[in-house]
Amino acid sequence: MAKRKTAYVCTECGAEFPRWQGQCNECKAWNTISEFVVSSAKTAVRGATSGYAGQTQAKVELLNTIDLEALPRFASGFRELDRVLGGGIVPGSAILIGGSPGAGKSTLLLQVMCHLAKEKSALYVTGEESLQQVAMRAKRLALPDDKLMMLAETNVETICELARAHNPAIMVIDSIQVMHVSDVQSAPGSVSQVRESAAYLTRFAKQHHIAMFIVGHVTKDGNLAGPKVLEHCIDCSMMLEGESDGRFRTLRSNKNRFGAVNELGVFGMTEKGLREVNNPSAIFLSRGENQSPGSSVMVVWEGTRPLLVEIQALVDYSQMANPRRVAVGLEQNRLSMLLAVLHRHGDVQMNDQDVFVNVVGGVKVAETSADLALLLAIISSFRNRPLPRDMIIFGEVGLAGEIRPVPNGTERISEAAKHGFKRAIVPKANAPKQPIAGMTVIAAAQLTDALEAIM
């Protein structure tokens, strides 16, 4: 009998170790290293080819002879989802969608599948819920349920056998953490089971040209649970985010082989399920009648479109020896750096002030174009002087106090003009060459130029 081979893998970062240990040396996480059985080469080959009737043999082709026709995408019924996917669903693609419990992953996919089942063969595989629970949700959401095929199963080989018999065009696996492969001797949800199940399903989807949605759980840190190879073997990885008591959900792509990365889709949770928000800027800019100090509007670029969001800052005298620096929706380390730039090049000292900043609507801003809007909102709160209501601000602030340009500057200004904004403070290099109707553009080369413009 062959000797059993084992490996130890961190479930947070995917690092492998020769033996078990309490802390991962790579990500420094505690109690995240799990044991799994390494299958032999013969077993891996047999598992990869078993059950695939009619499998075609691979062949070598010249690069210039490969067919370059457009991929035959088809719409999902949600324009926001199609935007995140890069224009629609690609047959044979494996799409991983994650999110915290209650975010609406199963609800969104059930709506999509019921819509597509009217025109295409669709199969919904549930491993966490019973068929009655899914049927009750579909009835509550008033979805057409006469065409969608349902299956309650957790064995991957059985799922693929039934799917081959019914030949669906699109499938949903809900969720990958409860699926298991018979050859792997470990519990469902373990590192080895998640990895082998995802690899098996991905190979099946590509060989039979089936578009497959795979639901994944997230850890307490908000990252996808399971080994990192899970994200490498799929074609598109998306995260559905939103507070459990909030109304809006954001769908963002972290990886996409068929479209732009960091594309953003916005949905609203209603009694009838998720509804897409076609104009998210209007939602995030729902401000009060009176303009308060510490509020500014910035234009961020999400994927292929500009998005107007409001950023709020509150500066107050600190009662502690070390003033607090709290950032929600922004990187906290960058906030500390920008406050140092403001002190050095703007002659504004906040060593005895607590600084709190928040991006309205739960949006997470990762790009540097929010630097200037953040600093001007902090100054507005510190001086107790509100900024003009019809002004938008964007630009990256360097350590030398310079205002650096950002991509798609003219498009950002044009989007703000469509929403009724009249003034803009932008980097000097982003000033449009041709005047934009109804918009007064203030070009700032240094931080002091922007401070003078608002004071």
Protein backbone atom coordinates (compact mmCIF):
# COMPACT_ATOMS: atom_id res chain seq x y z
CA MET A 1 0.00 0.00 0.00
CA ALA A 2 1.33 3.43 -0.97
CA LYS A 3 2.32 5.69 1.87
CA ARG A 4 -0.19 8.41 2.63
CA LYS A 5 1.16 11.85 1.77
CA THR A 6 -0.05 14.88 3.66
CA ALA A 7 0.55 18.61 3.40
CA TYR A 8 -0.30 21.55 5.61
CA VAL A 9 -1.82 24.64 3.97
CA CYS A 10 -2.85 28.00 5.39
CA THR A 11 -6.52 28.64 4.61
CA GLU A 12 -5.95 32.43 4.59
CA CYS A 13 -3.04 32.85 2.17
CA GLY A 14 -2.51 29.37 0.69
CA ALA A 15 1.08 28.92 1.93
CA GLU A 16 2.24 25.32 2.36
CA PHE A 17 4.34 23.93 5.23
CA PRO A 18 5.99 20.55 5.85
CA ARG A 19 4.37 20.19 9.31
CA TRP A 20 1.62 21.75 11.38
CA GLN A 21 2.29 24.95 13.29
CA GLY A 22 0.15 27.44 15.16
CA GLN A 23 1.00 30.57 13.16
CA CYS A 24 1.45 31.04 9.43
CA ASN A 25 4.85 32.51 8.59
CA GLU A 26 3.49 34.27 5.49
CA CYS A 27 0.32 36.08 6.63
CA LYS A 28 0.96 35.84 10.41
CA ALA A 29 -2.52 34.42 11.03
CA TRP A 30 -3.10 32.02 13.93
CA ASN A 31 -4.79 28.59 13.78
CA THR A 32 -5.35 28.71 10.01
CA ILE A 33 -3.12 25.80 8.94
CA SER A 34 -5.04 22.65 7.99
CA GLU A 35 -3.93 19.17 6.97
CA PHE A 36 -4.99 17.62 3.68
CA VAL A 37 -4.10 14.54 1.69
CA VAL A 38 -2.02 14.94 -1.45
CA SER A 39 -3.28 12.71 -4.21
CA SER A 40 -0.75 10.81 -6.31
CA ALA A 41 -0.14 11.59 -9.95
CA LYS A 42 -2.06 8.48 -11.14
CA THR A 43 -5.02 9.35 -8.94
CA ALA A 44 -4.99 12.96 -10.14
CA VAL A 45 -4.98 11.91 -13.78
CA ARG A 46 -7.74 9.35 -13.21
CA GLY A 47 -9.85 11.91 -11.32
CA ALA A 48 -9.35 14.50 -14.01
CA THR A 49 -10.51 12.23 -16.82
CA SER A 50 -13.06 9.99 -15.13
CA GLY A 51 -16.66 10.47 -16.07
CA TYR A 52 -16.02 12.70 -19.09
CA ALA A 53 -17.64 10.75 -21.89
CA GLY A 54 -16.75 11.96 -25.34
CA GLN A 55 -13.78 13.99 -24.19
CA THR A 56 -11.86 15.42 -27.15
CA GLN A 57 -8.10 15.00 -27.49
CA ALA A 58 -5.98 18.13 -27.24
CA LYS A 59 -3.98 19.22 -30.28
CA VAL A 60 -1.25 21.74 -31.02
CA GLU A 61 -2.22 24.75 -33.14
CA LEU A 62 -0.29 27.66 -34.62
CA LEU A 63 -1.01 31.03 -33.08
CA ASN A 64 -2.06 32.61 -36.38
CA THR A 65 -4.59 29.85 -37.07
CA ILE A 66 -6.61 30.33 -33.89
CA ASP A 67 -10.14 31.61 -34.47
CA LEU A 68 -10.42 35.19 -33.20
CA GLU A 69 -14.19 35.56 -33.46
CA ALA A 70 -15.90 37.37 -30.61
CA LEU A 71 -16.93 35.21 -27.69
CA PRO A 72 -20.67 34.48 -27.84
CA ARG A 73 -21.75 36.29 -24.67
CA PHE A 74 -25.36 36.32 -23.56
CA ALA A 75 -27.11 38.77 -21.24
CA SER A 76 -28.00 37.86 -17.68
CA GLY A 77 -31.03 40.14 -17.43
CA PHE A 78 -29.21 42.60 -15.12
CA ARG A 79 -27.23 45.32 -16.86
CA GLU A 80 -25.21 45.97 -13.71
CA LEU A 81 -24.17 42.31 -13.53
CA ASP A 82 -23.34 42.28 -17.25
CA ARG A 83 -21.20 45.39 -16.73
CA VAL A 84 -19.19 43.70 -13.97
CA LEU A 85 -18.78 40.55 -16.09
CA GLY A 86 -17.42 42.62 -18.98
CA GLY A 87 -20.47 42.65 -21.24
CA GLY A 88 -22.32 39.44 -20.45
CA ILE A 89 -21.86 35.78 -19.55
CA VAL A 90 -19.30 33.78 -21.54
CA PRO A 91 -20.11 30.09 -22.19
CA GLY A 92 -17.58 27.79 -20.56
CA SER A 93 -16.53 30.36 -17.96
CA ALA A 94 -16.31 29.70 -14.22
CA ILE A 95 -17.49 32.69 -12.17
CA LEU A 96 -16.92 32.84 -8.41
CA ILE A 97 -19.18 35.16 -6.41
CA GLY A 98 -18.51 35.74 -2.73
CA GLY A 99 -20.00 37.84 0.01
CA SER A 100 -20.89 37.91 3.66
CA PRO A 101 -23.97 36.03 4.92
CA GLY A 102 -27.16 37.89 4.02
CA ALA A 103 -25.55 39.98 1.28
CA GLY A 104 -27.90 38.51 -1.35
CA LYS A 105 -25.73 36.09 -3.33
CA SER A 106 -28.35 33.33 -3.56
CA THR A 107 -31.12 35.84 -4.17
CA LEU A 108 -29.28 37.48 -7.07
CA LEU A 109 -28.37 34.16 -8.70
CA LEU A 110 -31.90 32.80 -8.30
CA GLN A 111 -33.27 35.88 -10.05
CA VAL A 112 -30.73 35.51 -12.86
CA MET A 113 -31.41 31.81 -13.31
CA CYS A 114 -35.19 32.21 -13.37
CA HIS A 115 -34.81 34.90 -16.03
CA LEU A 116 -32.40 32.86 -18.18
CA ALA A 117 -34.44 29.66 -17.83
CA LYS A 118 -37.11 31.17 -20.07
CA GLU A 119 -34.70 31.05 -23.04
CA LYS A 120 -31.90 28.64 -22.05
CA SER A 121 -31.53 25.39 -20.17
CA ALA A 122 -30.56 26.31 -16.60
CA LEU A 123 -29.68 24.14 -13.59
CA TYR A 124 -29.53 25.41 -9.99
CA VAL A 125 -27.61 23.13 -7.61
CA THR A 126 -28.16 23.84 -3.92
CA GLY A 127 -26.12 22.15 -1.24
CA GLU A 128 -26.91 24.34 1.77
CA GLU A 129 -30.67 24.75 1.38
CA SER A 130 -33.43 22.29 0.63
CA LEU A 131 -35.45 22.49 -2.55
CA GLN A 132 -38.46 23.66 -0.54
CA GLN A 133 -36.52 26.61 0.87
CA VAL A 134 -35.42 27.73 -2.59
CA ALA A 135 -38.97 27.33 -3.91
CA MET A 136 -40.33 29.44 -1.05
CA ARG A 137 -37.86 32.21 -1.87
CA ALA A 138 -38.79 32.13 -5.55
CA LYS A 139 -42.48 32.36 -4.65
CA ARG A 140 -41.84 35.26 -2.26
CA LEU A 141 -39.95 37.13 -4.96
CA ALA A 142 -42.67 36.36 -7.54
CA LEU A 143 -40.18 34.77 -9.96
CA PRO A 144 -41.13 32.57 -12.93
CA ASP A 145 -40.41 29.06 -11.66
CA ASP A 146 -41.77 26.80 -14.39
CA LYS A 147 -38.54 26.42 -16.42
CA LEU A 148 -35.68 26.32 -13.91
CA MET A 149 -34.26 22.86 -13.10
CA MET A 150 -33.33 22.28 -9.46
CA LEU A 151 -30.97 19.78 -7.81
CA ALA A 152 -30.09 19.23 -4.14
CA GLU A 153 -26.73 17.44 -4.12
CA THR A 154 -23.23 17.90 -2.68
CA ASN A 155 -21.27 15.18 -4.50
CA VAL A 156 -19.40 16.74 -7.41
CA GLU A 157 -19.26 13.56 -9.52
CA THR A 158 -23.03 13.07 -9.20
CA ILE A 159 -23.68 16.71 -10.11
CA CYS A 160 -21.57 16.46 -13.26
CA GLU A 161 -23.22 13.19 -14.31
CA LEU A 162 -26.71 14.68 -14.00
CA ALA A 163 -25.61 17.89 -15.69
CA ARG A 164 -24.22 15.92 -18.64
CA ALA A 165 -27.54 14.14 -19.00
CA HIS A 166 -29.62 17.37 -19.00
CA ASN A 167 -27.01 19.50 -20.86
CA PRO A 168 -27.69 22.92 -19.26
CA ALA A 169 -26.28 26.11 -20.75
CA ILE A 170 -25.75 27.67 -17.34
CA MET A 171 -25.32 26.25 -13.83
CA VAL A 172 -25.13 27.56 -10.26
CA ILE A 173 -23.24 25.77 -7.48
CA ASP A 174 -24.38 27.01 -4.06
CA SER A 175 -21.92 26.73 -2.44
CA ILE A 176 -18.41 25.37 -3.04
CA GLN A 177 -17.75 24.99 0.72
CA VAL A 178 -20.28 22.12 1.03
CA MET A 179 -19.23 20.24 -2.12
CA HIS A 180 -17.03 17.15 -1.91
CA VAL A 181 -15.17 14.74 -4.18
CA SER A 182 -15.27 11.02 -3.38
CA ASP A 183 -11.52 10.44 -3.88
CA VAL A 184 -10.54 13.02 -1.24
CA GLN A 185 -10.65 11.65 2.30
CA SER A 186 -11.48 14.82 4.21
CA ALA A 187 -14.56 16.70 5.34
CA PRO A 188 -16.42 19.14 3.03
CA GLY A 189 -15.11 22.67 3.43
CA SER A 190 -11.52 21.60 4.02
CA VAL A 191 -8.68 22.93 1.90
CA SER A 192 -8.33 19.77 -0.17
CA GLN A 193 -12.07 19.35 -0.77
CA VAL A 194 -12.57 22.98 -1.85
CA ARG A 195 -9.58 22.85 -4.16
CA GLU A 196 -10.43 19.53 -5.81
CA SER A 197 -14.15 20.35 -6.10
CA ALA A 198 -13.45 23.72 -7.74
CA ALA A 199 -10.93 22.18 -10.16
CA TYR A 200 -13.34 19.37 -11.08
CA LEU A 201 -16.25 21.75 -11.71
CA THR A 202 -14.10 24.20 -13.68
CA ARG A 203 -12.80 21.45 -15.99
CA PHE A 204 -16.33 20.17 -16.51
CA ALA A 205 -17.63 23.68 -17.36
CA LYS A 206 -14.90 24.35 -19.91
CA GLN A 207 -15.08 20.96 -21.62
CA HIS A 208 -18.87 21.16 -22.00
CA HIS A 209 -19.10 24.95 -22.62
CA ILE A 210 -21.33 25.52 -19.60
CA ALA A 211 -21.34 28.91 -17.89
CA MET A 212 -21.00 28.15 -14.19
CA PHE A 213 -21.58 30.41 -11.19
CA ILE A 214 -19.91 29.20 -7.99
CA VAL A 215 -20.89 30.70 -4.64
CA GLY A 216 -18.11 31.07 -2.07
CA HIS A 217 -18.08 32.01 1.60
CA VAL A 218 -15.91 34.75 3.07
CA THR A 219 -13.76 34.89 6.18
CA LYS A 220 -14.19 37.34 9.05
CA ASP A 221 -11.73 39.66 7.27
CA GLY A 222 -13.97 39.81 4.20
CA ASN A 223 -11.75 37.64 1.96
CA LEU A 224 -12.85 34.53 0.11
CA ALA A 225 -12.53 31.44 2.28
CA GLY A 226 -10.45 28.51 1.12
CA PRO A 227 -7.08 28.17 -0.60
CA LYS A 228 -5.80 30.83 -2.99
CA VAL A 229 -5.81 28.29 -5.82
CA LEU A 230 -9.60 28.63 -5.76
CA GLU A 231 -9.27 32.17 -7.13
CA HIS A 232 -6.61 31.16 -9.65
CA CYS A 233 -8.52 28.37 -11.37
CA ILE A 234 -11.71 30.37 -12.04
CA ASP A 235 -12.15 33.02 -14.76
CA CYS A 236 -13.94 35.75 -12.84
CA SER A 237 -14.07 36.56 -9.14
CA MET A 238 -16.70 38.95 -7.77
CA MET A 239 -17.60 40.19 -4.30
CA LEU A 240 -21.11 41.25 -3.29
CA GLU A 241 -20.73 43.73 -0.44
CA GLY A 242 -23.12 45.69 1.71
CA GLU A 243 -24.25 46.08 5.27
CA SER A 244 -26.86 43.58 6.43
CA ASP A 245 -29.13 46.42 7.59
CA GLY A 246 -28.39 48.59 4.56
CA ARG A 247 -30.44 48.92 1.43
CA PHE A 248 -27.75 48.97 -1.26
CA ARG A 249 -25.32 46.29 -2.39
CA THR A 250 -22.18 46.75 -4.49
CA LEU A 251 -20.85 44.05 -6.81
CA ARG A 252 -17.16 44.42 -7.65
CA SER A 253 -14.91 42.22 -9.80
CA ASN A 254 -11.48 41.40 -8.40
CA LYS A 255 -10.44 39.25 -11.34
CA ASN A 256 -11.91 38.98 -14.82
CA ARG A 257 -10.37 37.27 -17.82
CA PHE A 258 -13.11 38.61 -20.11
CA GLY A 259 -13.44 42.24 -19.01
CA ALA A 260 -12.18 45.11 -16.89
CA VAL A 261 -11.07 44.57 -13.30
CA ASN A 262 -12.53 46.65 -10.45
CA GLU A 263 -15.78 47.18 -12.35
CA LEU A 264 -18.60 48.17 -10.02
CA GLY A 265 -22.29 47.33 -10.10
CA VAL A 266 -24.85 48.74 -7.66
CA PHE A 267 -28.06 47.00 -6.57
CA GLY A 268 -30.84 47.89 -4.18
CA MET A 269 -32.39 45.29 -1.89
CA THR A 270 -36.20 45.38 -2.02
CA GLU A 271 -39.10 43.12 -1.07
CA LYS A 272 -38.94 41.57 -4.56
CA GLY A 273 -35.21 40.87 -4.45
CA LEU A 274 -32.30 42.84 -5.84
CA ARG A 275 -33.01 45.68 -8.25
CA GLU A 276 -30.24 47.32 -10.26
CA VAL A 277 -29.41 51.00 -9.73
CA ASN A 278 -28.78 52.57 -13.13
CA ASN A 279 -27.60 55.94 -11.78
CA PRO A 280 -25.61 55.24 -8.59
CA SER A 281 -24.18 58.76 -8.45
CA ALA A 282 -27.65 60.13 -7.71
CA ILE A 283 -27.98 57.68 -4.80
CA PHE A 284 -24.64 58.52 -3.23
CA LEU A 285 -25.24 62.27 -3.57
CA SER A 286 -28.56 62.39 -1.72
CA ARG A 287 -27.52 65.28 0.54
CA GLY A 288 -29.60 67.54 2.76
CA GLU A 289 -30.88 71.02 1.95
CA ASN A 290 -28.15 72.85 3.88
CA GLN A 291 -24.49 72.33 3.12
CA SER A 292 -22.54 71.46 6.27
CA PRO A 293 -18.81 71.95 6.90
CA GLY A 294 -16.63 68.93 6.24
CA SER A 295 -18.44 67.67 3.15
CA SER A 296 -17.02 67.47 -0.37
CA VAL A 297 -17.92 65.62 -3.57
CA MET A 298 -15.30 63.70 -5.49
CA VAL A 299 -15.31 61.83 -8.80
CA VAL A 300 -13.79 58.35 -8.69
CA TRP A 301 -13.30 56.06 -11.69
CA GLU A 302 -14.76 52.61 -11.16
CA GLY A 303 -13.91 50.23 -13.96
CA THR A 304 -15.25 51.91 -17.11
CA ARG A 305 -17.38 54.70 -15.67
CA PRO A 306 -17.08 57.72 -13.37
CA LEU A 307 -18.89 57.72 -10.05
CA LEU A 308 -19.72 60.75 -7.91
CA VAL A 309 -19.57 60.11 -4.19
CA GLU A 310 -19.61 62.32 -1.13
CA ILE A 311 -16.85 62.27 1.44
CA GLN A 312 -17.39 63.63 4.96
CA ALA A 313 -14.80 64.68 7.51
CA LEU A 314 -15.14 65.58 11.17
CA VAL A 315 -12.27 67.31 12.99
CA ASP A 316 -12.65 67.80 16.75
CA TYR A 317 -10.37 68.61 19.67
CA SER A 318 -8.87 65.45 21.12
CA GLN A 319 -9.04 64.62 24.81
CA MET A 320 -6.36 61.94 24.50
CA ALA A 321 -2.59 62.10 24.24
CA ASN A 322 -2.69 60.34 20.87
CA PRO A 323 -5.44 61.81 18.64
CA ARG A 324 -7.59 59.31 16.75
CA ARG A 325 -7.40 58.80 13.00
CA VAL A 326 -10.44 56.86 11.74
CA ALA A 327 -11.13 56.22 8.05
CA VAL A 328 -14.22 54.37 6.74
CA GLY A 329 -14.11 53.56 3.03
CA LEU A 330 -10.54 54.89 2.69
CA GLU A 331 -7.10 53.61 3.61
CA GLN A 332 -6.17 54.75 7.10
CA ASN A 333 -2.43 54.83 6.43
CA ARG A 334 -2.98 57.19 3.53
CA LEU A 335 -5.05 59.47 5.78
CA SER A 336 -2.11 59.79 8.18
CA MET A 337 0.23 60.52 5.27
CA LEU A 338 -2.04 63.21 3.85
CA LEU A 339 -2.34 64.90 7.25
CA ALA A 340 1.46 65.09 7.35
CA VAL A 341 1.49 66.66 3.86
CA LEU A 342 -1.16 69.16 5.00
CA HIS A 343 0.99 70.12 7.98
CA ARG A 344 4.22 70.46 6.00
CA HIS A 345 2.96 72.15 2.83
CA GLY A 346 -0.34 73.70 3.96
CA ASP A 347 0.84 74.98 7.35
CA VAL A 348 -2.20 73.39 9.05
CA GLN A 349 -1.40 71.48 12.24
CA MET A 350 -3.79 68.88 13.66
CA ASN A 351 -1.63 67.17 16.27
CA ASP A 352 -4.27 67.85 18.95
CA GLN A 353 -7.33 67.03 16.78
CA ASP A 354 -9.29 63.82 16.23
CA VAL A 355 -9.93 63.24 12.51
CA PHE A 356 -12.80 61.04 11.30
CA VAL A 357 -13.50 60.54 7.58
CA ASN A 358 -16.27 58.55 5.90
CA VAL A 359 -17.31 57.79 2.32
CA VAL A 360 -21.10 58.07 2.15
CA GLY A 361 -23.07 55.06 0.94
CA GLY A 362 -20.62 52.36 1.97
CA VAL A 363 -18.42 52.84 -1.10
CA LYS A 364 -14.80 51.78 -0.76
CA VAL A 365 -12.42 54.13 -2.56
CA ALA A 366 -9.08 52.58 -3.49
CA GLU A 367 -7.69 55.05 -6.04
CA THR A 368 -5.60 58.11 -5.19
CA SER A 369 -7.88 60.62 -6.93
CA ALA A 370 -9.69 61.12 -3.60
CA ASP A 371 -6.65 62.72 -1.92
CA LEU A 372 -7.49 66.34 -2.71
CA ALA A 373 -11.20 65.99 -1.89
CA LEU A 374 -10.29 64.37 1.42
CA LEU A 375 -7.90 67.16 2.45
CA LEU A 376 -10.31 69.94 1.50
CA ALA A 377 -13.12 68.25 3.44
CA ILE A 378 -10.82 68.09 6.48
CA ILE A 379 -9.96 71.79 6.12
CA SER A 380 -13.66 72.64 5.76
CA SER A 381 -14.47 70.90 9.03
CA PHE A 382 -11.41 72.29 10.82
CA ARG A 383 -12.20 75.88 9.79
CA ASN A 384 -15.98 75.32 10.16
CA ARG A 385 -16.48 76.72 6.68
CA PRO A 386 -18.66 74.73 4.23
CA LEU A 387 -17.50 74.17 0.68
CA PRO A 388 -19.69 75.34 -2.23
CA ARG A 389 -22.51 72.91 -2.89
CA ASP A 390 -21.94 72.88 -6.66
CA MET A 391 -18.20 72.05 -6.51
CA ILE A 392 -16.50 68.76 -7.27
CA ILE A 393 -12.89 67.94 -6.41
CA PHE A 394 -10.42 65.27 -7.47
CA GLY A 395 -6.67 64.87 -7.71
CA GLU A 396 -3.74 62.97 -6.23
CA VAL A 397 -1.60 64.76 -3.64
CA GLY A 398 2.13 63.98 -3.61
CA LEU A 399 4.51 64.10 -0.68
CA ALA A 400 6.00 67.35 -2.02
CA GLY A 401 2.60 69.02 -1.94
CA GLU A 402 2.07 68.82 -5.71
CA ILE A 403 -1.31 67.96 -7.24
CA ARG A 404 -0.71 65.09 -9.64
CA PRO A 405 -3.02 64.21 -12.55
CA VAL A 406 -5.33 61.20 -12.58
CA PRO A 407 -6.65 59.15 -15.53
CA ASN A 408 -9.80 60.20 -17.42
CA GLY A 409 -9.84 63.74 -16.07
CA THR A 410 -12.07 65.23 -18.78
CA GLU A 411 -14.60 62.42 -18.49
CA ARG A 412 -14.85 62.99 -14.73
CA ILE A 413 -15.55 66.69 -15.21
CA SER A 414 -18.16 66.00 -17.90
CA GLU A 415 -19.95 63.52 -15.63
CA ALA A 416 -20.09 66.12 -12.85
CA ALA A 417 -21.51 68.68 -15.27
CA LYS A 418 -24.34 66.28 -16.15
CA HIS A 419 -25.33 66.20 -12.46
CA GLY A 420 -25.54 69.99 -12.21
CA PHE A 421 -22.13 70.88 -10.76
CA LYS A 422 -20.78 74.27 -11.79
CA ARG A 423 -17.25 74.39 -10.35
CA ALA A 424 -14.36 71.94 -10.18
CA ILE A 425 -10.94 71.91 -8.55
CA VAL A 426 -8.73 69.56 -10.55
CA PRO A 427 -5.00 68.97 -11.16
CA LYS A 428 -3.45 71.40 -13.60
CA ALA A 429 -2.57 68.60 -16.00
CA ASN A 430 -6.24 67.45 -16.04
CA ALA A 431 -7.65 70.85 -17.00
CA PRO A 432 -9.67 70.37 -20.23
CA LYS A 433 -8.27 71.99 -23.35
CA GLN A 434 -11.75 72.88 -24.54
CA PRO A 435 -14.15 74.59 -22.10
CA ILE A 436 -17.04 72.48 -20.80
CA ALA A 437 -20.41 74.19 -20.95
CA GLY A 438 -21.59 75.42 -17.55
CA MET A 439 -18.44 74.33 -15.71
CA THR A 440 -15.77 76.59 -14.21
CA VAL A 441 -12.54 74.65 -13.80
CA ILE A 442 -9.90 75.72 -11.26
CA ALA A 443 -6.54 74.12 -12.09
CA ALA A 444 -4.30 73.54 -9.06
CA ALA A 445 -0.61 72.71 -9.37
CA GLN A 446 0.18 72.77 -5.62
CA LEU A 447 -1.80 72.10 -2.47
CA THR A 448 -1.61 75.79 -1.59
CA ASP A 449 -3.43 76.65 -4.85
CA ALA A 450 -6.38 74.46 -3.84
CA LEU A 451 -6.45 75.92 -0.32
CA GLU A 452 -6.53 79.46 -1.71
CA ALA A 453 -9.39 78.50 -4.05
CA ILE A 454 -11.68 77.47 -1.16
CA MET A 455 -10.61 80.16 1.29
